[in-house]
Amino acid sequence: MSQSLAAFLTVFVTVFLAELGDKTQLATLLYSTEGGRSPWLVFLAASAALIAATGLAVVVGTAGARFIEGVPLKLIAGLGFIAIGVWTVAQHFRG
């Protein structure tokens, strides 16, 4: 397997698993259940939004990489996800 294919599959699987069951997917599910909307319209709009958000992330990440070299980004991202999870659970128990 080439390095490019391996990198593609790594990114694809990671993003695919991260997107399963997230708020964006749930919102798309809800939009598709409302009558009068074409399923293709919902699919295309949600896909375009994901492409735009991903493009923005790639542009910002590529530009920012020059300024944050050596910073443990995976650690920072992981801590961010943990913080969001703790906040979400706390919000649940607050009512």
N, C-alpha and C. Protein backbone atom coordinates (compact mmCIF):
# COMPACT_ATOMS: atom_id res chain seq x y z
N MET A 1 0.86 -1.18 0.00
CA MET A 1 0.00 0.00 0.00
C MET A 1 0.90 1.24 0.00
N SER A 2 0.59 2.17 -0.87
CA SER A 2 1.41 3.38 -0.96
C SER A 2 1.18 4.26 0.26
N GLN A 3 2.14 5.16 0.50
CA GLN A 3 2.01 6.07 1.64
C GLN A 3 0.82 7.00 1.47
N SER A 4 0.58 7.42 0.24
CA SER A 4 -0.56 8.32 0.00
C SER A 4 -1.88 7.63 0.30
N LEU A 5 -2.02 6.38 -0.14
CA LEU A 5 -3.25 5.64 0.12
C LEU A 5 -3.42 5.38 1.61
N ALA A 6 -2.33 5.04 2.28
CA ALA A 6 -2.39 4.81 3.72
C ALA A 6 -2.80 6.09 4.46
N ALA A 7 -2.24 7.22 4.05
CA ALA A 7 -2.60 8.50 4.67
C ALA A 7 -4.07 8.83 4.40
N PHE A 8 -4.52 8.60 3.16
CA PHE A 8 -5.92 8.85 2.81
C PHE A 8 -6.85 8.01 3.69
N LEU A 9 -6.54 6.72 3.80
CA LEU A 9 -7.40 5.83 4.59
C LEU A 9 -7.39 6.22 6.06
N THR A 10 -6.24 6.63 6.58
CA THR A 10 -6.14 7.05 7.98
C THR A 10 -7.02 8.26 8.24
N VAL A 11 -6.93 9.27 7.38
CA VAL A 11 -7.75 10.48 7.55
C VAL A 11 -9.22 10.13 7.37
N PHE A 12 -9.54 9.35 6.34
CA PHE A 12 -10.94 9.00 6.08
C PHE A 12 -11.56 8.29 7.27
N VAL A 13 -10.91 7.25 7.76
CA VAL A 13 -11.47 6.46 8.86
C VAL A 13 -11.59 7.30 10.13
N THR A 14 -10.58 8.11 10.41
CA THR A 14 -10.61 8.95 11.61
C THR A 14 -11.76 9.94 11.56
N VAL A 15 -11.90 10.65 10.44
CA VAL A 15 -12.97 11.64 10.32
C VAL A 15 -14.34 10.96 10.27
N PHE A 16 -14.44 9.85 9.56
CA PHE A 16 -15.71 9.13 9.48
C PHE A 16 -16.17 8.70 10.87
N LEU A 17 -15.29 8.11 11.65
CA LEU A 17 -15.66 7.67 12.99
C LEU A 17 -15.98 8.85 13.91
N ALA A 18 -15.25 9.95 13.75
CA ALA A 18 -15.50 11.13 14.58
C ALA A 18 -16.85 11.75 14.25
N GLU A 19 -17.29 11.64 13.01
CA GLU A 19 -18.55 12.25 12.60
C GLU A 19 -19.77 11.41 12.96
N LEU A 20 -19.59 10.11 13.17
CA LEU A 20 -20.74 9.26 13.47
C LEU A 20 -21.40 9.71 14.77
N GLY A 21 -22.66 10.03 14.68
CA GLY A 21 -23.43 10.37 15.88
C GLY A 21 -23.16 11.74 16.45
N ASP A 22 -22.39 12.59 15.75
CA ASP A 22 -22.15 13.92 16.29
C ASP A 22 -23.35 14.82 16.02
N LYS A 23 -23.30 16.03 16.55
CA LYS A 23 -24.44 16.95 16.43
C LYS A 23 -24.74 17.27 14.97
N THR A 24 -23.72 17.36 14.14
CA THR A 24 -23.95 17.67 12.73
C THR A 24 -24.73 16.56 12.06
N GLN A 25 -24.35 15.33 12.33
CA GLN A 25 -25.06 14.21 11.73
C GLN A 25 -26.49 14.14 12.25
N LEU A 26 -26.69 14.39 13.52
CA LEU A 26 -28.04 14.37 14.08
C LEU A 26 -28.90 15.49 13.49
N ALA A 27 -28.31 16.67 13.29
CA ALA A 27 -29.06 17.77 12.67
C ALA A 27 -29.44 17.39 11.24
N THR A 28 -28.53 16.77 10.51
CA THR A 28 -28.83 16.34 9.15
C THR A 28 -29.94 15.30 9.15
N LEU A 29 -29.90 14.39 10.09
CA LEU A 29 -30.94 13.38 10.22
C LEU A 29 -32.30 14.05 10.45
N LEU A 30 -32.32 15.04 11.34
CA LEU A 30 -33.58 15.74 11.62
C LEU A 30 -34.09 16.50 10.40
N TYR A 31 -33.19 17.17 9.68
CA TYR A 31 -33.62 17.87 8.46
C TYR A 31 -34.20 16.90 7.44
N SER A 32 -33.64 15.71 7.36
CA SER A 32 -34.12 14.75 6.36
C SER A 32 -35.47 14.14 6.74
N THR A 33 -35.86 14.24 8.01
CA THR A 33 -37.15 13.69 8.42
C THR A 33 -38.30 14.66 8.20
N GLU A 34 -37.97 15.94 8.03
CA GLU A 34 -39.03 16.93 7.84
C GLU A 34 -39.61 16.80 6.44
N GLY A 35 -40.92 16.76 6.37
CA GLY A 35 -41.59 16.60 5.09
C GLY A 35 -41.36 17.79 4.17
N GLY A 36 -41.45 17.54 2.90
CA GLY A 36 -41.33 18.62 1.94
C GLY A 36 -39.91 18.93 1.50
N ARG A 37 -38.93 18.33 2.14
CA ARG A 37 -37.55 18.55 1.74
C ARG A 37 -37.05 17.36 0.96
N SER A 38 -36.39 17.65 -0.13
CA SER A 38 -35.79 16.59 -0.92
C SER A 38 -34.61 15.99 -0.16
N PRO A 39 -34.53 14.66 -0.07
CA PRO A 39 -33.37 14.05 0.57
C PRO A 39 -32.06 14.44 -0.13
N TRP A 40 -32.12 14.64 -1.44
CA TRP A 40 -30.92 15.04 -2.18
C TRP A 40 -30.48 16.45 -1.80
N LEU A 41 -31.45 17.34 -1.58
CA LEU A 41 -31.13 18.70 -1.15
C LEU A 41 -30.44 18.68 0.20
N VAL A 42 -30.97 17.89 1.13
CA VAL A 42 -30.36 17.77 2.47
C VAL A 42 -28.96 17.19 2.34
N PHE A 43 -28.81 16.14 1.55
CA PHE A 43 -27.49 15.51 1.37
C PHE A 43 -26.49 16.49 0.78
N LEU A 44 -26.89 17.19 -0.28
CA LEU A 44 -25.96 18.12 -0.94
C LEU A 44 -25.61 19.30 -0.04
N ALA A 45 -26.59 19.85 0.67
CA ALA A 45 -26.32 20.97 1.57
C ALA A 45 -25.40 20.55 2.72
N ALA A 46 -25.68 19.40 3.33
CA ALA A 46 -24.84 18.92 4.43
C ALA A 46 -23.43 18.59 3.93
N SER A 47 -23.34 17.99 2.76
CA SER A 47 -22.03 17.66 2.19
C SER A 47 -21.23 18.92 1.88
N ALA A 48 -21.89 19.93 1.30
CA ALA A 48 -21.21 21.19 0.99
C ALA A 48 -20.73 21.88 2.26
N ALA A 49 -21.55 21.84 3.31
CA ALA A 49 -21.15 22.44 4.59
C ALA A 49 -19.94 21.72 5.18
N LEU A 50 -19.93 20.39 5.12
CA LEU A 50 -18.80 19.64 5.64
C LEU A 50 -17.54 19.91 4.83
N ILE A 51 -17.69 20.00 3.51
CA ILE A 51 -16.53 20.31 2.66
C ILE A 51 -15.99 21.70 2.99
N ALA A 52 -16.87 22.69 3.15
CA ALA A 52 -16.42 24.05 3.47
C ALA A 52 -15.72 24.09 4.83
N ALA A 53 -16.29 23.43 5.84
CA ALA A 53 -15.69 23.43 7.17
C ALA A 53 -14.34 22.71 7.15
N THR A 54 -14.26 21.62 6.40
CA THR A 54 -13.01 20.88 6.31
C THR A 54 -11.96 21.70 5.56
N GLY A 55 -12.37 22.37 4.50
CA GLY A 55 -11.45 23.24 3.77
C GLY A 55 -10.89 24.33 4.66
N LEU A 56 -11.74 24.94 5.46
CA LEU A 56 -11.29 25.96 6.40
C LEU A 56 -10.29 25.38 7.40
N ALA A 57 -10.58 24.20 7.91
CA ALA A 57 -9.67 23.56 8.87
C ALA A 57 -8.31 23.27 8.23
N VAL A 58 -8.31 22.82 6.98
CA VAL A 58 -7.05 22.53 6.29
C VAL A 58 -6.26 23.82 6.06
N VAL A 59 -6.92 24.88 5.63
CA VAL A 59 -6.24 26.15 5.38
C VAL A 59 -5.65 26.71 6.68
N VAL A 60 -6.45 26.74 7.73
CA VAL A 60 -5.98 27.26 9.03
C VAL A 60 -4.87 26.37 9.59
N GLY A 61 -5.05 25.05 9.48
CA GLY A 61 -4.03 24.13 9.99
C GLY A 61 -2.72 24.25 9.24
N THR A 62 -2.80 24.38 7.92
CA THR A 62 -1.58 24.51 7.12
C THR A 62 -0.86 25.82 7.42
N ALA A 63 -1.62 26.91 7.51
CA ALA A 63 -1.02 28.21 7.81
C ALA A 63 -0.48 28.24 9.24
N GLY A 64 -1.24 27.68 10.16
CA GLY A 64 -0.83 27.70 11.56
C GLY A 64 0.35 26.79 11.87
N ALA A 65 0.57 25.78 11.05
CA ALA A 65 1.66 24.83 11.31
C ALA A 65 3.01 25.52 11.34
N ARG A 66 3.14 26.58 10.57
CA ARG A 66 4.42 27.31 10.55
C ARG A 66 4.68 28.03 11.87
N PHE A 67 3.62 28.40 12.58
CA PHE A 67 3.78 29.20 13.78
C PHE A 67 3.77 28.39 15.07
N ILE A 68 3.30 27.16 15.00
CA ILE A 68 3.18 26.36 16.22
C ILE A 68 3.99 25.08 16.13
N GLU A 69 5.09 25.15 15.42
CA GLU A 69 5.95 23.98 15.28
C GLU A 69 6.47 23.54 16.65
N GLY A 70 6.39 22.25 16.90
CA GLY A 70 6.88 21.71 18.16
C GLY A 70 5.83 21.65 19.26
N VAL A 71 4.68 22.25 19.03
CA VAL A 71 3.60 22.20 20.02
C VAL A 71 2.90 20.85 19.87
N PRO A 72 2.66 20.16 20.97
CA PRO A 72 2.02 18.83 20.89
C PRO A 72 0.52 18.95 20.57
N LEU A 73 0.20 19.12 19.28
CA LEU A 73 -1.18 19.38 18.88
C LEU A 73 -2.12 18.24 19.22
N LYS A 74 -1.66 17.00 19.09
CA LYS A 74 -2.54 15.87 19.43
C LYS A 74 -2.92 15.91 20.90
N LEU A 75 -1.97 16.26 21.74
CA LEU A 75 -2.24 16.37 23.18
C LEU A 75 -3.23 17.49 23.45
N ILE A 76 -3.01 18.64 22.82
CA ILE A 76 -3.91 19.77 23.01
C ILE A 76 -5.32 19.43 22.51
N ALA A 77 -5.41 18.80 21.34
CA ALA A 77 -6.72 18.41 20.80
C ALA A 77 -7.40 17.41 21.72
N GLY A 78 -6.65 16.43 22.20
CA GLY A 78 -7.21 15.43 23.11
C GLY A 78 -7.74 16.05 24.39
N LEU A 79 -6.97 16.97 24.96
CA LEU A 79 -7.42 17.66 26.17
C LEU A 79 -8.66 18.51 25.88
N GLY A 80 -8.71 19.10 24.69
CA GLY A 80 -9.90 19.88 24.31
C GLY A 80 -11.13 19.01 24.23
N PHE A 81 -10.99 17.82 23.62
CA PHE A 81 -12.13 16.90 23.53
C PHE A 81 -12.57 16.43 24.91
N ILE A 82 -11.62 16.17 25.78
CA ILE A 82 -11.96 15.76 27.15
C ILE A 82 -12.71 16.90 27.85
N ALA A 83 -12.24 18.13 27.69
CA ALA A 83 -12.89 19.28 28.32
C ALA A 83 -14.33 19.43 27.81
N ILE A 84 -14.52 19.28 26.50
CA ILE A 84 -15.87 19.37 25.94
C ILE A 84 -16.75 18.26 26.49
N GLY A 85 -16.21 17.06 26.62
CA GLY A 85 -16.96 15.93 27.17
C GLY A 85 -17.37 16.17 28.61
N VAL A 86 -16.44 16.67 29.42
CA VAL A 86 -16.74 16.96 30.83
C VAL A 86 -17.80 18.05 30.91
N TRP A 87 -17.68 19.09 30.10
CA TRP A 87 -18.66 20.17 30.09
C TRP A 87 -20.03 19.65 29.69
N THR A 88 -20.09 18.78 28.68
CA THR A 88 -21.35 18.22 28.21
C THR A 88 -22.02 17.39 29.31
N VAL A 89 -21.25 16.55 29.98
CA VAL A 89 -21.80 15.73 31.07
C VAL A 89 -22.28 16.63 32.21
N ALA A 90 -21.51 17.66 32.54
CA ALA A 90 -21.90 18.59 33.61
C ALA A 90 -23.21 19.29 33.25
N GLN A 91 -23.35 19.70 32.00
CA GLN A 91 -24.59 20.35 31.55
C GLN A 91 -25.78 19.41 31.68
N HIS A 92 -25.55 18.15 31.42
CA HIS A 92 -26.63 17.15 31.55
C HIS A 92 -27.15 17.10 32.98
N PHE A 93 -26.23 17.08 33.93
CA PHE A 93 -26.64 16.94 35.33
C PHE A 93 -27.17 18.24 35.92
N ARG A 94 -26.85 19.36 35.31
CA ARG A 94 -27.39 20.64 35.77
C ARG A 94 -28.83 20.83 35.32
N GLY A 95 -29.22 20.06 34.30
CA GLY A 95 -30.60 20.16 33.85
C GLY A 95 -30.71 21.06 32.73
